[in-house]
Amino acid sequence: MGHNFIVGFQNPWVSLFYVVAMVLLALHLRHGVWSMCQTLGLAHPRYRRWAYAAAWAVALIVLIGNVSFPVAVQTGLLK
């Protein structure tokens, strides 16, 4: 891993700001995927539950992946 990456995330305030930003990004992605599904006609009652679940799945996958970086540095997994 890069030196600046590790040093940056060793600061708890930087890590906290990054995590908050990633939560906001995840919410934005969820809305975007849901809107895309509506545009593609997947808001029909037959597909709505699956489209909504897909929107949350995409958002959570991105959130978990991105939040794992500062968590790994803060817990000492990456040095």
C-alpha atoms as a PDB file:
ATOM      1  CA  MET A   1       0.000   0.000   0.000  1.00  0.00           C
ATOM      2  CA  GLY A   2       1.032   3.581  -0.547  1.00  0.00           C
ATOM      3  CA  HIS A   3       2.672   5.531   2.230  1.00  0.00           C
ATOM      4  CA  ASN A   4       0.282   8.506   1.917  1.00  0.00           C
ATOM      5  CA  PHE A   5      -2.700   6.137   2.051  1.00  0.00           C
ATOM      6  CA  ILE A   6      -1.569   4.667   5.381  1.00  0.00           C
ATOM      7  CA  VAL A   7      -0.482   7.970   6.918  1.00  0.00           C
ATOM      8  CA  GLY A   8      -3.712   9.690   5.890  1.00  0.00           C
ATOM      9  CA  PHE A   9      -6.002   7.073   7.389  1.00  0.00           C
ATOM     10  CA  GLN A  10      -3.983   6.864  10.618  1.00  0.00           C
ATOM     11  CA  ASN A  11      -5.572  10.165  11.587  1.00  0.00           C
ATOM     12  CA  PRO A  12      -8.920   9.260  13.219  1.00  0.00           C
ATOM     13  CA  TRP A  13     -10.566  12.495  12.054  1.00  0.00           C
ATOM     14  CA  VAL A  14      -9.613  11.860   8.442  1.00  0.00           C
ATOM     15  CA  SER A  15     -10.921   8.309   8.709  1.00  0.00           C
ATOM     16  CA  LEU A  16     -14.172   9.478  10.300  1.00  0.00           C
ATOM     17  CA  PHE A  17     -14.701  12.132   7.626  1.00  0.00           C
ATOM     18  CA  TYR A  18     -14.021   9.535   4.919  1.00  0.00           C
ATOM     19  CA  VAL A  19     -16.503   7.059   6.438  1.00  0.00           C
ATOM     20  CA  VAL A  20     -19.208   9.734   6.675  1.00  0.00           C
ATOM     21  CA  ALA A  21     -18.533  10.708   3.054  1.00  0.00           C
ATOM     22  CA  MET A  22     -18.837   7.046   2.001  1.00  0.00           C
ATOM     23  CA  VAL A  23     -22.183   6.700   3.803  1.00  0.00           C
ATOM     24  CA  LEU A  24     -23.445   9.733   1.897  1.00  0.00           C
ATOM     25  CA  LEU A  25     -22.070   8.262  -1.344  1.00  0.00           C
ATOM     26  CA  ALA A  26     -23.861   4.968  -0.640  1.00  0.00           C
ATOM     27  CA  LEU A  27     -27.167   6.764  -0.109  1.00  0.00           C
ATOM     28  CA  HIS A  28     -26.619   8.674  -3.346  1.00  0.00           C
ATOM     29  CA  LEU A  29     -25.827   5.446  -5.216  1.00  0.00           C
ATOM     30  CA  ARG A  30     -28.913   3.745  -3.800  1.00  0.00           C
ATOM     31  CA  HIS A  31     -31.058   6.570  -5.091  1.00  0.00           C
ATOM     32  CA  GLY A  32     -29.302   6.524  -8.461  1.00  0.00           C
ATOM     33  CA  VAL A  33     -29.710   2.780  -8.960  1.00  0.00           C
ATOM     34  CA  TRP A  34     -33.350   2.979  -7.888  1.00  0.00           C
ATOM     35  CA  SER A  35     -33.939   5.838 -10.332  1.00  0.00           C
ATOM     36  CA  MET A  36     -32.217   3.860 -13.091  1.00  0.00           C
ATOM     37  CA  CYS A  37     -34.499   0.907 -12.380  1.00  0.00           C
ATOM     38  CA  GLN A  38     -37.532   3.178 -12.622  1.00  0.00           C
ATOM     39  CA  THR A  39     -36.277   4.563 -15.931  1.00  0.00           C
ATOM     40  CA  LEU A  40     -35.870   1.027 -17.252  1.00  0.00           C
ATOM     41  CA  GLY A  41     -39.440   0.170 -16.258  1.00  0.00           C
ATOM     42  CA  LEU A  42     -38.538  -1.962 -13.249  1.00  0.00           C
ATOM     43  CA  ALA A  43     -40.742   0.053 -10.905  1.00  0.00           C
ATOM     44  CA  HIS A  44     -43.673  -2.117 -11.891  1.00  0.00           C
ATOM     45  CA  PRO A  45     -45.132  -3.779  -8.762  1.00  0.00           C
ATOM     46  CA  ARG A  46     -43.924  -7.163 -10.023  1.00  0.00           C
ATOM     47  CA  TYR A  47     -40.265  -6.020 -10.031  1.00  0.00           C
ATOM     48  CA  ARG A  48     -40.258  -3.228  -7.467  1.00  0.00           C
ATOM     49  CA  ARG A  49     -39.029  -5.359  -4.563  1.00  0.00           C
ATOM     50  CA  TRP A  50     -36.117  -6.731  -6.613  1.00  0.00           C
ATOM     51  CA  ALA A  51     -35.170  -3.309  -7.964  1.00  0.00           C
ATOM     52  CA  TYR A  52     -35.207  -1.833  -4.480  1.00  0.00           C
ATOM     53  CA  ALA A  53     -33.094  -4.724  -3.165  1.00  0.00           C
ATOM     54  CA  ALA A  54     -30.627  -4.311  -6.042  1.00  0.00           C
ATOM     55  CA  ALA A  55     -30.292  -0.595  -5.282  1.00  0.00           C
ATOM     56  CA  TRP A  56     -29.479  -1.329  -1.640  1.00  0.00           C
ATOM     57  CA  ALA A  57     -27.133  -4.186  -2.591  1.00  0.00           C
ATOM     58  CA  VAL A  58     -25.050  -1.978  -4.885  1.00  0.00           C
ATOM     59  CA  ALA A  59     -24.904   0.769  -2.269  1.00  0.00           C
ATOM     60  CA  LEU A  60     -23.907  -1.598   0.538  1.00  0.00           C
ATOM     61  CA  ILE A  61     -21.244  -3.380  -1.511  1.00  0.00           C
ATOM     62  CA  VAL A  62     -19.602  -0.057  -2.371  1.00  0.00           C
ATOM     63  CA  LEU A  63     -19.966   1.178   1.215  1.00  0.00           C
ATOM     64  CA  ILE A  64     -18.444  -1.932   2.797  1.00  0.00           C
ATOM     65  CA  GLY A  65     -15.603  -2.010   0.288  1.00  0.00           C
ATOM     66  CA  ASN A  66     -14.695   1.636   0.718  1.00  0.00           C
ATOM     67  CA  VAL A  67     -15.066   1.717   4.500  1.00  0.00           C
ATOM     68  CA  SER A  68     -12.786  -1.301   4.803  1.00  0.00           C
ATOM     69  CA  PHE A  69      -9.776   0.901   3.895  1.00  0.00           C
ATOM     70  CA  PRO A  70      -9.766   3.236   6.910  1.00  0.00           C
ATOM     71  CA  VAL A  71     -10.951   0.422   9.175  1.00  0.00           C
ATOM     72  CA  ALA A  72      -7.983  -1.718   8.119  1.00  0.00           C
ATOM     73  CA  VAL A  73      -5.558   1.116   8.836  1.00  0.00           C
ATOM     74  CA  GLN A  74      -7.194   2.099  12.138  1.00  0.00           C
ATOM     75  CA  THR A  75      -7.200  -1.492  13.409  1.00  0.00           C
ATOM     76  CA  GLY A  76      -3.553  -1.992  12.447  1.00  0.00           C
ATOM     77  CA  LEU A  77      -4.283  -4.571   9.757  1.00  0.00           C
ATOM     78  CA  LEU A  78      -2.405  -2.328   7.297  1.00  0.00           C
ATOM     79  CA  LYS A  79       0.806  -0.607   8.394  1.00  0.00           C
END
